[in-house]
C-alpha cells in the first residue's frame, strides 16, 4: 500500500503525463532536472528501444518515466536488469504499472547493486529525492534486456536473475558447439585460479580468441598472440590454476565476463572435428593446432 503522500504525488505525476516532455533515443538518455525548477512536479517520458543502454539524469528534480522495449518483437520471459553507477544519487527508482508503484531501488541502494524484473511488470519511475542543494546530484544507471530462458545457456549466465548458487553441470555436446557460435565470448586458454569469497573472478590467459563482445579481453604478447582478462566463475565450479587448457565461453553483463560452457580443449577439438565432418557444426571457427599444457612466456 502506498503512503498517503506518495499516493498524492503519484496522482499528480500521472496527471502531468499529458503535458510532460518527451524524449526519444534508441539506447541511452541524458537529461537535466534544471528545466523542472519552475514546475517541480514535471515528469519527463523517455522511450528507449534497445537491448542495453544507460540513463544519466543531472540535477534530478520531479520525475522521469523510462519505458524500455526491445528493438523488435519482445520474446516471452524477457527481463530487465539495471545497475546504478557507484556514484549515483538523488533519486528513488520504482516500477510503475497502471498507477501502482513498487520500490526497486532506494537512493541508499545506489552503490552498483543490480536489480532485475520482468519487462511486463511496468516502466521505471525515477523520482527525485527533494534536496535543498542539487548541484552535485546525478542519477545514473545502465540497463540490459535479457531472456530468462535459452536452451543453450545456463541460468548463471544471468546471475542477477538467479542469485542462488548454480550447479556447475556440464554442457551437452550440442550446447558446447552452439555456445562457440552464439556466446558473447569464446576462446581457448587457461584459468589462473579463482578469488576466494564473493569475488569469484578468475584471471584467464587465452592463446586463441574466437569471438568477443565489448573488448573485455586485451591483446598482449608477441604480435598480440595472447589475450588476458577476468571471468566470473559459478560458485560450485571447480576451477584451479594449472588444470590445463579449456574452451571458454560465456556472456557479458555490464562489462563483466561470466563463464558459461567450458570444456577441456582437447575434448572440444575432437567434438568439433567430428561435427564438422558430419556437417553438423552451427558455425565454423579456426581451431588451430594443439597448444602446450601451459601458456607460453614471451
Protein backbone atom coordinates (compact mmCIF):
# COMPACT_ATOMS: atom_id res chain seq x y z
CA UNK A 1 0.00 0.00 0.00
CA UNK A 2 1.30 3.43 -0.86
CA UNK A 3 1.90 6.02 1.81
CA UNK A 4 -0.65 8.90 1.58
CA UNK A 5 1.93 11.46 0.49
CA UNK A 6 3.30 9.09 -2.14
CA UNK A 7 -0.17 8.29 -3.46
CA UNK A 8 -0.87 12.03 -3.74
CA UNK A 9 2.43 12.57 -5.54
CA UNK A 10 1.75 9.71 -7.97
CA UNK A 11 -1.69 11.11 -8.75
CA UNK A 12 -0.12 14.46 -9.55
CA UNK A 13 2.56 12.77 -11.63
CA UNK A 14 0.11 10.77 -13.71
CA UNK A 15 -1.94 13.89 -14.31
CA UNK A 16 1.16 15.54 -15.72
CA UNK A 17 1.71 12.92 -18.38
CA UNK A 18 -0.29 14.80 -21.00
CA UNK A 19 1.96 17.84 -20.69
CA UNK A 20 5.21 16.06 -19.96
CA UNK A 21 8.28 16.47 -22.10
CA UNK A 22 9.02 13.54 -24.39
CA UNK A 23 12.43 12.24 -25.35
CA UNK A 24 13.24 9.54 -27.83
CA UNK A 25 16.52 7.67 -28.24
CA UNK A 26 17.25 4.14 -29.30
CA UNK A 27 19.54 3.14 -26.44
CA UNK A 28 20.50 5.87 -23.97
CA UNK A 29 19.21 9.10 -22.48
CA UNK A 30 20.90 12.04 -20.81
CA UNK A 31 18.93 14.92 -19.36
CA UNK A 32 18.82 17.58 -16.68
CA UNK A 33 16.30 18.42 -13.99
CA UNK A 34 17.13 22.11 -14.17
CA UNK A 35 14.33 22.53 -16.68
CA UNK A 36 11.94 21.44 -13.92
CA UNK A 37 12.88 24.17 -11.44
CA UNK A 38 9.75 26.17 -12.08
CA UNK A 39 7.49 23.09 -12.12
CA UNK A 40 8.91 20.59 -9.68
CA UNK A 41 6.19 18.05 -10.44
CA UNK A 42 7.01 17.90 -14.12
CA UNK A 43 7.50 14.42 -15.46
CA UNK A 44 9.56 13.53 -18.50
CA UNK A 45 8.71 10.45 -20.54
CA UNK A 46 11.67 8.60 -22.00
CA UNK A 47 11.34 5.83 -24.59
CA UNK A 48 14.33 3.54 -25.14
CA UNK A 49 14.29 0.81 -27.79
CA UNK A 50 17.44 -1.20 -27.33
CA UNK A 51 18.78 -4.35 -25.68
CA UNK A 52 21.15 -2.34 -23.50
CA UNK A 53 21.99 1.26 -22.73
CA UNK A 54 22.14 3.86 -19.99
CA UNK A 55 20.41 6.78 -18.32
CA UNK A 56 22.12 9.84 -16.83
CA UNK A 57 19.97 12.44 -15.09
CA UNK A 58 21.80 15.52 -13.87
CA UNK A 59 20.38 17.68 -11.07
CA UNK A 60 17.30 15.46 -10.64
CA UNK A 61 14.01 17.20 -9.83
CA UNK A 62 10.50 15.94 -10.48
CA UNK A 63 10.47 12.51 -12.10
CA UNK A 64 11.37 10.59 -15.23
CA UNK A 65 9.37 7.65 -16.55
CA UNK A 66 11.58 5.28 -18.53
CA UNK A 67 9.79 2.97 -20.97
CA UNK A 68 12.05 0.11 -22.05
CA UNK A 69 11.36 -2.10 -25.05
CA UNK A 70 13.50 -4.28 -27.32
CA UNK A 71 14.17 -3.10 -30.84
CA UNK A 72 11.83 -5.71 -32.32
CA UNK A 73 9.26 -8.19 -31.09
CA UNK A 74 9.76 -8.95 -27.37
CA UNK A 75 10.46 -12.59 -26.61
CA UNK A 76 8.48 -14.36 -23.85
CA UNK A 77 10.00 -14.04 -20.39
CA UNK A 78 12.15 -11.02 -21.22
CA UNK A 79 13.72 -9.42 -18.13
CA UNK A 80 15.30 -6.04 -17.44
CA UNK A 81 18.34 -5.66 -15.19
CA UNK A 82 19.59 -2.25 -14.07
CA UNK A 83 22.91 -1.42 -12.42
CA UNK A 84 23.33 2.03 -10.83
CA UNK A 85 26.64 3.78 -11.22
CA UNK A 86 28.60 3.71 -7.96
CA UNK A 87 28.26 7.49 -7.57
CA UNK A 88 24.55 7.57 -8.46
CA UNK A 89 22.37 9.50 -6.02
CA UNK A 90 19.42 11.84 -5.78
CA UNK A 91 16.55 9.51 -6.76
CA UNK A 92 14.44 6.53 -5.82
CA UNK A 93 13.62 4.03 -8.58
CA UNK A 94 10.19 2.38 -8.69
CA UNK A 95 8.32 0.07 -11.01
CA UNK A 96 5.14 1.78 -12.17
CA UNK A 97 2.24 -0.19 -13.60
CA UNK A 98 -1.23 1.33 -14.05
CA UNK A 99 -0.68 3.78 -11.20
CA UNK A 100 0.84 1.28 -8.76
CA UNK A 101 4.39 1.82 -7.55
CA UNK A 102 6.80 -0.80 -6.22
CA UNK A 103 10.15 0.30 -4.86
CA UNK A 104 13.01 -1.20 -6.83
CA UNK A 105 16.00 0.84 -5.63
CA UNK A 106 16.04 3.34 -2.78
CA UNK A 107 18.60 6.12 -3.02
CA UNK A 108 20.75 4.40 -0.40
CA UNK A 109 20.94 1.30 -2.64
CA UNK A 110 22.68 3.18 -5.48
CA UNK A 111 26.04 1.51 -4.95
CA UNK A 112 26.32 -0.57 -8.10
CA UNK A 113 23.86 -3.18 -6.84
CA UNK A 114 21.87 -4.84 -9.64
CA UNK A 115 18.08 -5.27 -9.67
CA UNK A 116 16.07 -7.27 -12.21
CA UNK A 117 12.38 -7.50 -13.07
CA UNK A 118 10.15 -8.85 -15.82
CA UNK A 119 9.66 -6.43 -18.69
CA UNK A 120 5.89 -6.74 -18.41
CA UNK A 121 5.91 -5.57 -14.79
CA UNK A 122 5.94 -1.93 -15.84
CA UNK A 123 8.03 1.13 -16.58
CA UNK A 124 10.81 2.60 -14.46
CA UNK A 125 9.60 5.55 -12.40
CA UNK A 126 12.66 7.55 -11.32
CA UNK A 127 11.62 10.03 -8.61
CA UNK A 128 13.98 12.76 -7.47
CA UNK A 129 14.51 12.98 -3.71
CA UNK A 130 13.75 16.56 -2.54
CA UNK A 131 17.02 18.35 -1.79
CA UNK A 132 17.96 21.88 -0.84
CA UNK A 133 21.15 21.55 -2.90
CA UNK A 134 21.02 19.51 -6.11
CA UNK A 135 24.27 20.80 -7.56
CA UNK A 136 26.16 17.55 -7.02
CA UNK A 137 23.37 15.05 -7.58
CA UNK A 138 23.47 12.73 -10.59
CA UNK A 139 21.28 9.68 -11.08
CA UNK A 140 22.88 7.24 -13.50
CA UNK A 141 22.43 3.57 -14.32
CA UNK A 142 22.96 1.00 -17.05
CA UNK A 143 20.27 -1.41 -18.19
CA UNK A 144 20.14 -4.71 -20.07
CA UNK A 145 17.26 -6.68 -21.55
CA UNK A 146 17.92 -10.40 -21.17
CA UNK A 147 15.98 -13.56 -21.93
CA UNK A 148 15.15 -15.67 -18.90
CA UNK A 149 15.10 -18.89 -20.91
CA UNK A 150 17.52 -20.08 -23.56
CA UNK A 151 18.15 -23.74 -24.39
CA UNK A 152 21.88 -23.15 -24.81
CA UNK A 153 22.59 -21.00 -21.77
CA UNK A 154 22.77 -21.84 -18.08
CA UNK A 155 20.83 -19.76 -15.56
CA UNK A 156 24.09 -18.49 -14.10
CA UNK A 157 24.74 -16.60 -17.33
CA UNK A 158 22.12 -14.25 -15.89
CA UNK A 159 23.45 -14.21 -12.33
CA UNK A 160 21.33 -11.31 -11.13
CA UNK A 161 18.12 -13.13 -12.02
CA UNK A 162 19.30 -16.27 -10.24
CA UNK A 163 21.15 -15.17 -7.09
CA UNK A 164 21.29 -18.70 -5.61
CA UNK A 165 24.48 -20.61 -6.44
CA UNK A 166 24.04 -22.58 -9.64
CA UNK A 167 25.09 -26.17 -10.05
CA UNK A 168 28.02 -26.48 -12.42
CA UNK A 169 26.55 -29.18 -14.64
CA UNK A 170 28.43 -29.89 -17.88
CA UNK A 171 27.11 -28.61 -21.19
CA UNK A 172 25.93 -31.17 -23.72
CA UNK A 173 27.84 -31.55 -26.98
CA UNK A 174 25.15 -29.57 -28.81
CA UNK A 175 25.27 -26.77 -26.22
CA UNK A 176 29.07 -26.52 -26.46
CA UNK A 177 29.00 -26.25 -30.26
CA UNK A 178 26.25 -23.64 -30.14
CA UNK A 179 27.97 -21.69 -27.36
CA UNK A 180 31.05 -21.18 -29.54
CA UNK A 181 28.82 -19.55 -32.17
CA UNK A 182 26.42 -17.51 -30.04
CA UNK A 183 28.16 -16.61 -26.76
CA UNK A 184 29.42 -13.10 -26.07
CA UNK A 185 32.94 -14.53 -25.91
CA UNK A 186 34.64 -17.77 -26.89
CA UNK A 187 38.31 -18.70 -26.75
CA UNK A 188 40.85 -21.30 -25.72
CA UNK A 189 43.04 -20.74 -22.73
CA UNK A 190 43.94 -21.24 -19.11
CA UNK A 191 42.46 -20.36 -15.73
CA UNK A 192 44.68 -18.63 -13.20
CA UNK A 193 42.69 -19.70 -10.11
CA UNK A 194 39.57 -18.22 -8.54
CA UNK A 195 39.43 -15.49 -5.90
CA UNK A 196 38.03 -16.51 -2.54
CA UNK A 197 34.80 -15.11 -1.08
CA UNK A 198 32.07 -13.36 -3.08
CA UNK A 199 34.50 -12.24 -5.79
CA UNK A 200 34.51 -15.38 -7.93
CA UNK A 201 36.61 -13.92 -10.73
CA UNK A 202 39.44 -15.89 -12.28
CA UNK A 203 42.23 -14.36 -14.34
CA UNK A 204 42.43 -16.12 -17.71
CA UNK A 205 45.03 -16.20 -20.46
CA UNK A 206 43.76 -17.03 -23.95
CA UNK A 207 46.00 -18.45 -26.67
CA UNK A 208 43.23 -18.03 -29.25
CA UNK A 209 40.17 -15.76 -29.24
CA UNK A 210 37.32 -16.86 -31.49
CA UNK A 211 34.92 -14.07 -30.63
CA UNK A 212 34.34 -11.41 -28.00
CA UNK A 213 31.96 -8.57 -27.17
CA UNK A 214 32.95 -5.13 -25.89
CA UNK A 215 36.68 -5.80 -25.87
CA UNK A 216 36.70 -7.48 -22.45
CA UNK A 217 39.93 -9.34 -23.23
CA UNK A 218 43.04 -7.31 -24.00
CA UNK A 219 45.66 -8.48 -26.50
CA UNK A 220 49.24 -8.91 -25.33
CA UNK A 221 52.41 -10.84 -26.09
CA UNK A 222 54.32 -11.12 -29.33
CA UNK A 223 52.18 -9.94 -32.26
CA UNK A 224 49.11 -9.96 -29.99
CA UNK A 225 49.00 -13.76 -29.79
CA UNK A 226 47.65 -13.80 -26.26
CA UNK A 227 44.66 -12.19 -24.60
CA UNK A 228 44.03 -11.71 -20.91
CA UNK A 229 41.10 -10.78 -18.72
CA UNK A 230 38.99 -11.87 -15.79
CA UNK A 231 35.93 -14.12 -15.79
CA UNK A 232 33.30 -14.67 -13.08
CA UNK A 233 33.03 -18.38 -12.30
CA UNK A 234 29.91 -20.05 -10.74
CA UNK A 235 30.46 -20.80 -7.06
CA UNK A 236 30.19 -24.58 -7.48
CA UNK A 237 32.59 -24.89 -10.41
CA UNK A 238 35.92 -26.46 -9.55
CA UNK A 239 38.46 -24.25 -11.35
CA UNK A 240 42.10 -24.16 -10.36
CA UNK A 241 45.38 -22.91 -11.75
CA UNK A 242 47.34 -25.39 -13.84
CA UNK A 243 44.36 -27.59 -14.72
CA UNK A 244 45.15 -27.49 -18.45
CA UNK A 245 43.72 -25.71 -21.48
CA UNK A 246 39.98 -25.15 -21.86
CA UNK A 247 37.45 -23.92 -24.34
CA UNK A 248 35.90 -20.95 -22.53
CA UNK A 249 32.56 -19.41 -23.49
CA UNK A 250 30.14 -17.14 -21.67
CA UNK A 251 28.22 -13.91 -21.54
CA UNK A 252 28.99 -10.26 -20.82
CA UNK A 253 26.83 -8.33 -18.37
CA UNK A 254 27.51 -4.69 -17.55
CA UNK A 255 31.03 -5.01 -18.94
CA UNK A 256 31.92 -8.14 -16.95
CA UNK A 257 32.50 -11.64 -18.32
CA UNK A 258 30.60 -14.62 -16.86
CA UNK A 259 31.63 -18.19 -17.58
CA UNK A 260 29.18 -20.38 -19.49
CA UNK A 261 30.09 -23.62 -21.23
CA UNK A 262 33.67 -24.75 -20.61
CA UNK A 263 35.32 -27.97 -21.70
CA UNK A 264 38.84 -29.35 -21.92
CA UNK A 265 40.11 -28.03 -25.19
CA UNK A 266 41.34 -31.39 -26.46
CA UNK A 267 37.86 -32.87 -25.90
CA UNK A 268 36.23 -29.90 -27.63
CA UNK A 269 38.62 -30.15 -30.59
CA UNK A 270 37.69 -33.79 -31.17
CA UNK A 271 33.99 -32.90 -30.87
CA UNK A 272 34.31 -30.02 -33.31
CA UNK A 273 36.26 -32.02 -35.91
CA UNK A 274 33.72 -34.86 -35.72
CA UNK A 275 30.75 -32.48 -36.08
CA UNK A 276 32.45 -30.70 -38.96
CA UNK A 277 32.95 -33.99 -40.80
CA UNK A 278 29.26 -34.80 -40.29
CA UNK A 279 28.17 -31.33 -41.42
CA UNK A 280 26.57 -30.64 -38.03
CA UNK A 281 28.50 -27.56 -36.86
CA UNK A 282 26.26 -24.47 -36.47
CA UNK A 283 29.24 -22.26 -37.43
CA UNK A 284 32.88 -22.55 -38.41
CA UNK A 285 35.91 -21.39 -36.43
CA UNK A 286 39.67 -21.63 -36.95
CA UNK A 287 40.58 -24.05 -34.17
CA UNK A 288 44.31 -24.16 -34.98
CA UNK A 289 46.73 -26.85 -33.87
CA UNK A 290 47.33 -28.27 -30.41
CA UNK A 291 48.98 -26.00 -27.83
CA UNK A 292 51.23 -26.83 -24.86
CA UNK A 293 49.74 -27.56 -21.45
CA UNK A 294 50.70 -24.12 -20.12
CA UNK A 295 50.72 -20.72 -21.86
CA UNK A 296 53.99 -19.71 -23.47
CA UNK A 297 56.08 -16.93 -21.95
CA UNK A 298 57.50 -14.21 -24.20
